[in-house]
Amino acid sequence: MSAIATLADWERPEAERIEAARTIAASKDGGAIPTLFAVLEGAEVELARAVLTALKDLGAADALAKDLKAKEPEKRRLAAERLALLQDPRSSAALAEAAKDADPKARTTVIRALSLLTGPKVYDALDAALGDPNAEVRSYAAAGLGRSGDARAVAALERAFEKEEDETVKDFIERALRRARRPAK
């Protein structure tokens, strides 16, 4: 049985499936990326770790970054969702660029993915997204800034709170402010 077949077989013992994920990573077979993502959705913790490692080793973030520029909004959204799962800092520049997507659902997914990362490009994209016309985008942007650890986040969130009219978004901003003001551990 091939490593891909073993990995995809939910009846196989988890240890065999973990070893299959490692074998796939070592093979550098980029064609396995879709199977790895399919397995990731229902995986237990240890298997999920092995699959995420395999995806990173196979360069899934680079392939998905290209998909952020696809013509089809659904393909762009799927790429952003998968990049959110990877939480790979190497994808921050591509996600920051995609944060200006014309499709509001794609923008929401991109900002959600960015909210799980940190860094200057991430901060700038999240800060800009606080002014997005879509309330869900603004909510994810606030949450990401609250987690960012960036010293500028408090001031940006305070400015956004003063301008914000949507009560749900204001709630997100308040929670983000509480988190951003907490001393670093």
Foldseek 3Di string as FASTA:
>chain_A
DALLVQLLDPPHDLVSNLVSLVVLLVVLPLVSLVSLVVSLVPDDDSSVVSSLVSCVSNVVLVVLLVQCPDPDLVSNLVSLQVLLSNLDQVNLVSLLVSCPPPDPSSNLSSLLSLLSHEDDSSLVSLLVQLPPPDLSSVLSSLSSLLVHLDPCSLVSLVVSLVVDDDPVSNVSSVVSNVSNPDDDD
